[in-house]
Structure formats: structure tokens, C-alpha cells
Amino acid sequence: MEFFIDNENIEKQFQKLFKKILNIRNGEAYSEMNKYGLNYKNALGVSIVNLKEIAKQYEKNHLLAQKLWAKGFRESRIVASLLEKPEDTSKQQVKRWIEEAESNELLEQMCMNLFVALPELDTTLISWIKSEEAKEQLCATMVIGRLALIDKERGDVSFENFLNSMPSHLTHFYLIKQMPRVLGKIARRKSSLKDLVFSNVAELKRTDDKWLEVFEELHAEFPDVN
């Protein structure tokens, strides 16, 4: 169990920040979210663009992020992922946040805003992609895809380790949807990574129909690969 020493100033920031979120809640947008399967227990229909604008008004703070997460709203948890300090997170906290995330949208925001900067990231990604937990597999995939897109200086080892640790079977529908997109991003970095993507997926598709779907989608993007 995690314990935190409260701080009066941070509590005031939290109250003020959440009030800003409440002031721009959108009932119509909330109804649209439900139509698209974003069924949160607590949500206010505020756009991610607006949430990022609110987050920019505050410095990153571990306690503030904890308070926002504990509030339990979609919006407060997205802002929590924007304001948390990666270096202050514990493995226990990260695991708990993943378990408590109610949607793929929230997991994706956590990956883009926070998880890409976690300490010992390469080790964490391998642990996640080898996990039996579908959410952790999904997080590993979305994070490595984000790194492939934004981290131009990152060495090949991170991507090679991911490619060589991919699960033999895909079961989570959103992971199946994300995988060809992510592998395409990795393949576009350099020809040697593209070769590894296709050789590994070609092997995986022999025993899993979902990997066959991934292979076919990748081949449509890279028709030059045999």
C-alpha cells in the first residue's frame, strides 16, 4: 500500500484544478463517448485538448497527480498522467494505475504522457510484453510505437528486444488493432528493423490467425517485402 504526506498548498491546487475541469464539462460529448464504447463510471465529456491546456497551467507534482488519479474521473486521471513525474513513480503505482484504467483511451494517454519516460523503460517494456495481462501487453505495444515515432536517437536494441518478445497469440481486440500500426512505425525506422518485423511476424502467423491478420495489414503497407 502507498502512503502520502498531504500538503495544504497541493490540496488547494487540486481543488482549483478540478473545478476548472468541472466548469467545462460537456454533457453532449459525454453522451457521444458512450456511443463509441467509452463507458466510464465517472466522466465529464471534456476534450483531451482542453485537458492538456489545463495541465499546462500547473507544474508536474507527484502528490497532485495522486490526488487527481484518486478522484476517479476520466478527466482527472488523464490530467494525472500529464502532471505525474516519471522519476517519482513506483512499479507498484504504475501497475495499479494500469489495473484501474477503465478504457483503452486512458491507457493510451498514460502511455503517451507518462510511461514513455519511465525509468528503466526497456526492462519494463519487456516485462509488459511478456506478461499474461492484456493491459500490460497493450501498454508495451503503445509505448514502443510512441518511441518509434518520436525518439529518433533511440538505439535499435529497444525495438529488437520488443520484436523478439512478442506474444505467440493475440487476444485483446485493441492490441490486435494497434499491433500493425506500431510494427509499421518500427519498420519505417530502418531496413534492418523492417526485416526483423517481417521475419518475426511471418513466424508468428504460422500458429495464430490474428498474427496472420497483422501480417496481411503490414504487407499492404510494405508490398515490396516478400
Protein backbone atom coordinates (compact mmCIF):
# COMPACT_ATOMS: atom_id res chain seq x y z
CA MET A 1 0.00 0.00 0.00
CA GLU A 2 1.22 3.51 -0.88
CA PHE A 3 1.13 6.34 1.64
CA PHE A 4 1.42 10.07 1.01
CA ILE A 5 2.03 13.04 3.27
CA ASP A 6 -0.58 15.65 2.44
CA ASN A 7 0.24 19.25 1.64
CA GLU A 8 -2.15 22.17 2.06
CA ASN A 9 -0.90 24.05 -0.99
CA ILE A 10 -1.17 20.98 -3.21
CA GLU A 11 -4.68 20.33 -1.91
CA LYS A 12 -5.64 23.89 -2.91
CA GLN A 13 -4.15 23.35 -6.37
CA PHE A 14 -6.06 20.10 -6.72
CA GLN A 15 -9.39 21.70 -5.75
CA LYS A 16 -8.82 24.62 -8.12
CA LEU A 17 -7.74 22.37 -10.99
CA PHE A 18 -10.68 20.01 -10.67
CA LYS A 19 -13.05 22.99 -10.54
CA LYS A 20 -11.64 24.13 -13.88
CA ILE A 21 -12.45 20.71 -15.32
CA LEU A 22 -15.97 20.85 -13.91
CA ASN A 23 -16.52 24.29 -15.43
CA ILE A 24 -16.03 22.98 -18.97
CA ARG A 25 -17.88 19.68 -18.65
CA ASN A 26 -19.86 18.74 -21.73
CA GLY A 27 -22.91 16.53 -21.36
CA GLU A 28 -23.38 16.15 -25.11
CA ALA A 29 -19.79 14.98 -25.58
CA TYR A 30 -20.24 12.58 -22.67
CA SER A 31 -23.25 11.03 -24.42
CA GLU A 32 -21.22 10.67 -27.63
CA MET A 33 -18.45 8.93 -25.67
CA ASN A 34 -20.90 6.29 -24.53
CA LYS A 35 -21.95 5.67 -28.13
CA TYR A 36 -18.34 4.86 -29.01
CA GLY A 37 -17.85 2.46 -26.14
CA LEU A 38 -16.08 4.82 -23.74
CA ASN A 39 -18.15 3.77 -20.77
CA TYR A 40 -16.58 5.40 -17.74
CA LYS A 41 -18.07 5.21 -14.28
CA ASN A 42 -17.27 8.91 -13.85
CA ALA A 43 -16.71 11.22 -16.81
CA LEU A 44 -17.48 14.81 -17.76
CA GLY A 45 -17.05 14.86 -21.53
CA VAL A 46 -14.09 17.27 -21.56
CA SER A 47 -11.86 17.02 -24.63
CA ILE A 48 -8.25 15.91 -24.33
CA VAL A 49 -7.17 19.18 -25.96
CA ASN A 50 -8.84 21.14 -23.17
CA LEU A 51 -7.39 18.86 -20.51
CA LYS A 52 -3.90 19.44 -21.87
CA GLU A 53 -4.49 23.19 -21.75
CA ILE A 54 -5.46 22.95 -18.09
CA ALA A 55 -2.45 20.76 -17.29
CA LYS A 56 -0.09 23.33 -18.83
CA GLN A 57 -1.09 25.76 -16.08
CA TYR A 58 0.47 23.55 -13.39
CA GLU A 59 3.92 22.19 -12.63
CA LYS A 60 4.37 18.43 -12.53
CA ASN A 61 3.88 17.17 -8.99
CA HIS A 62 3.67 13.63 -7.65
CA LEU A 63 1.16 14.37 -4.88
CA LEU A 64 -1.06 16.42 -7.17
CA ALA A 65 -1.10 13.58 -9.69
CA GLN A 66 -2.02 11.12 -6.95
CA LYS A 67 -4.95 13.27 -5.84
CA LEU A 68 -6.18 13.63 -9.41
CA TRP A 69 -5.98 9.89 -10.02
CA ALA A 70 -7.76 9.10 -6.75
CA LYS A 71 -10.63 11.40 -7.76
CA GLY A 72 -11.60 8.66 -10.19
CA PHE A 73 -12.86 10.72 -13.15
CA ARG A 74 -11.73 10.12 -16.70
CA GLU A 75 -10.63 13.72 -16.94
CA SER A 76 -8.79 13.88 -13.62
CA ARG A 77 -6.91 10.70 -14.47
CA ILE A 78 -5.82 11.98 -17.88
CA VAL A 79 -4.52 15.15 -16.23
CA ALA A 80 -2.83 12.99 -13.59
CA SER A 81 -0.89 11.26 -16.36
CA LEU A 82 0.17 14.67 -17.67
CA LEU A 83 1.30 16.01 -14.29
CA GLU A 84 2.94 12.96 -12.76
CA LYS A 85 6.74 12.92 -12.54
CA PRO A 86 8.04 9.73 -14.15
CA GLU A 87 11.03 9.65 -11.81
CA ASP A 88 8.73 9.70 -8.77
CA THR A 89 6.59 6.76 -9.80
CA SER A 90 6.98 3.32 -8.26
CA LYS A 91 6.44 -0.01 -10.00
CA GLN A 92 3.55 -0.57 -7.60
CA GLN A 93 1.90 2.69 -8.62
CA VAL A 94 2.31 2.05 -12.34
CA LYS A 95 0.85 -1.43 -12.01
CA ARG A 96 -2.10 -0.09 -10.00
CA TRP A 97 -2.84 2.66 -12.50
CA ILE A 98 -2.83 0.15 -15.36
CA GLU A 99 -5.17 -2.16 -13.46
CA GLU A 100 -7.54 0.70 -12.57
CA ALA A 101 -7.66 2.23 -16.05
CA GLU A 102 -11.21 1.85 -17.35
CA SER A 103 -10.60 2.20 -21.06
CA ASN A 104 -8.09 1.87 -23.88
CA GLU A 105 -8.31 5.65 -24.26
CA LEU A 106 -7.00 6.16 -20.75
CA LEU A 107 -4.28 3.55 -21.20
CA GLU A 108 -3.19 5.28 -24.40
CA GLN A 109 -3.00 8.66 -22.66
CA MET A 110 -0.97 7.17 -19.82
CA CYS A 111 1.45 5.63 -22.32
CA MET A 112 1.95 8.83 -24.30
CA ASN A 113 2.06 11.24 -21.37
CA LEU A 114 3.88 9.26 -18.70
CA PHE A 115 5.04 5.73 -19.45
CA VAL A 116 7.35 6.73 -22.35
CA ALA A 117 9.55 8.50 -19.79
CA LEU A 118 9.62 5.89 -17.02
CA PRO A 119 12.99 4.95 -15.54
CA GLU A 120 14.40 1.57 -16.64
CA LEU A 121 11.94 1.67 -19.52
CA ASP A 122 13.47 -1.08 -21.65
CA THR A 123 13.26 -3.57 -18.80
CA THR A 124 9.67 -2.55 -18.09
CA LEU A 125 8.62 -2.95 -21.72
CA ILE A 126 9.99 -6.49 -21.92
CA SER A 127 8.24 -7.38 -18.68
CA TRP A 128 4.96 -6.00 -20.03
CA ILE A 129 5.05 -7.58 -23.47
CA LYS A 130 5.82 -10.97 -21.88
CA SER A 131 3.07 -10.54 -19.29
CA GLU A 132 -0.10 -12.61 -19.20
CA GLU A 133 -2.03 -9.38 -18.54
CA ALA A 134 -3.52 -7.99 -21.75
CA LYS A 135 -3.40 -4.41 -20.49
CA GLU A 136 0.33 -4.65 -19.87
CA GLN A 137 0.91 -6.14 -23.33
CA LEU A 138 -1.10 -3.27 -24.78
CA CYS A 139 0.89 -0.66 -22.84
CA ALA A 140 4.19 -2.13 -24.02
CA THR A 141 2.98 -2.01 -27.60
CA MET A 142 1.69 1.56 -27.45
CA VAL A 143 4.82 2.82 -25.69
CA ILE A 144 7.22 1.22 -28.17
CA GLY A 145 5.12 2.63 -31.00
CA ARG A 146 5.35 6.09 -29.49
CA LEU A 147 9.11 5.76 -29.08
CA ALA A 148 9.43 4.62 -32.70
CA LEU A 149 7.68 7.80 -33.76
CA ILE A 150 9.24 10.46 -31.51
CA ASP A 151 12.62 9.18 -30.29
CA LYS A 152 14.83 9.47 -33.36
CA GLU A 153 18.02 9.00 -31.33
CA ARG A 154 16.97 5.78 -29.65
CA GLY A 155 19.09 2.76 -30.50
CA ASP A 156 17.81 -0.36 -32.20
CA VAL A 157 18.10 -2.57 -29.12
CA SER A 158 14.83 -1.35 -27.59
CA PHE A 159 12.91 -2.24 -30.73
CA GLU A 160 14.75 -5.51 -31.35
CA ASN A 161 14.04 -6.66 -27.79
CA PHE A 162 10.35 -5.87 -28.23
CA LEU A 163 10.14 -7.63 -31.58
CA ASN A 164 11.84 -10.73 -30.19
CA SER A 165 9.50 -10.86 -27.17
CA MET A 166 6.10 -10.51 -28.85
CA PRO A 167 3.41 -12.94 -27.62
CA SER A 168 2.70 -16.02 -29.68
CA HIS A 169 -1.05 -15.35 -29.51
CA LEU A 170 -3.02 -12.10 -29.69
CA THR A 171 -6.32 -12.00 -27.81
CA HIS A 172 -7.05 -8.39 -26.84
CA PHE A 173 -9.03 -6.71 -29.64
CA TYR A 174 -7.36 -3.32 -29.21
CA LEU A 175 -3.90 -4.90 -29.17
CA ILE A 176 -4.73 -6.63 -32.45
CA LYS A 177 -5.77 -3.24 -33.84
CA GLN A 178 -2.66 -1.46 -32.57
CA MET A 179 -0.04 -4.05 -33.47
CA PRO A 180 0.20 -3.47 -37.26
CA ARG A 181 0.29 0.29 -36.72
CA VAL A 182 3.08 0.01 -34.18
CA LEU A 183 5.09 -2.52 -36.18
CA GLY A 184 4.76 -0.27 -39.22
CA LYS A 185 6.29 2.61 -37.25
CA ILE A 186 9.19 0.40 -36.20
CA ALA A 187 9.68 -0.90 -39.75
CA ARG A 188 9.89 2.64 -41.13
CA ARG A 189 12.85 3.48 -38.89
CA LYS A 190 15.38 1.43 -40.90
CA SER A 191 15.58 -1.54 -43.24
CA SER A 192 17.12 -3.92 -40.70
CA LEU A 193 14.23 -3.36 -38.31
CA LYS A 194 11.75 -3.81 -41.15
CA ASP A 195 13.37 -7.16 -41.97
CA LEU A 196 13.11 -8.24 -38.33
CA VAL A 197 9.46 -7.15 -38.13
CA PHE A 198 8.51 -9.25 -41.14
CA SER A 199 10.59 -12.30 -40.27
CA ASN A 200 9.16 -12.46 -36.74
CA VAL A 201 5.57 -11.83 -37.78
CA ALA A 202 5.90 -14.38 -40.59
CA GLU A 203 6.88 -16.96 -37.99
CA LEU A 204 4.11 -15.98 -35.55
CA LYS A 205 1.39 -16.14 -38.21
CA ARG A 206 2.03 -19.85 -38.68
CA THR A 207 0.26 -20.65 -35.41
CA ASP A 208 -2.11 -17.72 -34.84
CA ASP A 209 -4.75 -16.33 -37.19
CA LYS A 210 -4.62 -12.90 -35.55
CA TRP A 211 -0.95 -12.62 -36.40
CA LEU A 212 -1.88 -13.56 -39.96
CA GLU A 213 -4.20 -10.52 -39.98
CA VAL A 214 -1.34 -8.36 -38.71
CA PHE A 215 0.98 -9.73 -41.39
CA GLU A 216 -1.51 -9.05 -44.17
CA GLU A 217 -2.06 -5.48 -42.99
CA LEU A 218 1.68 -4.90 -42.79
CA HIS A 219 2.21 -6.39 -46.24
CA ALA A 220 -0.36 -3.99 -47.66
CA GLU A 221 1.72 -1.13 -46.27
CA PHE A 222 5.04 -2.61 -47.41
CA PRO A 223 4.22 -4.50 -50.65
CA ASP A 224 7.92 -4.69 -51.57
CA VAL A 225 8.56 -7.22 -48.80
CA ASN A 226 8.27 -10.84 -49.91
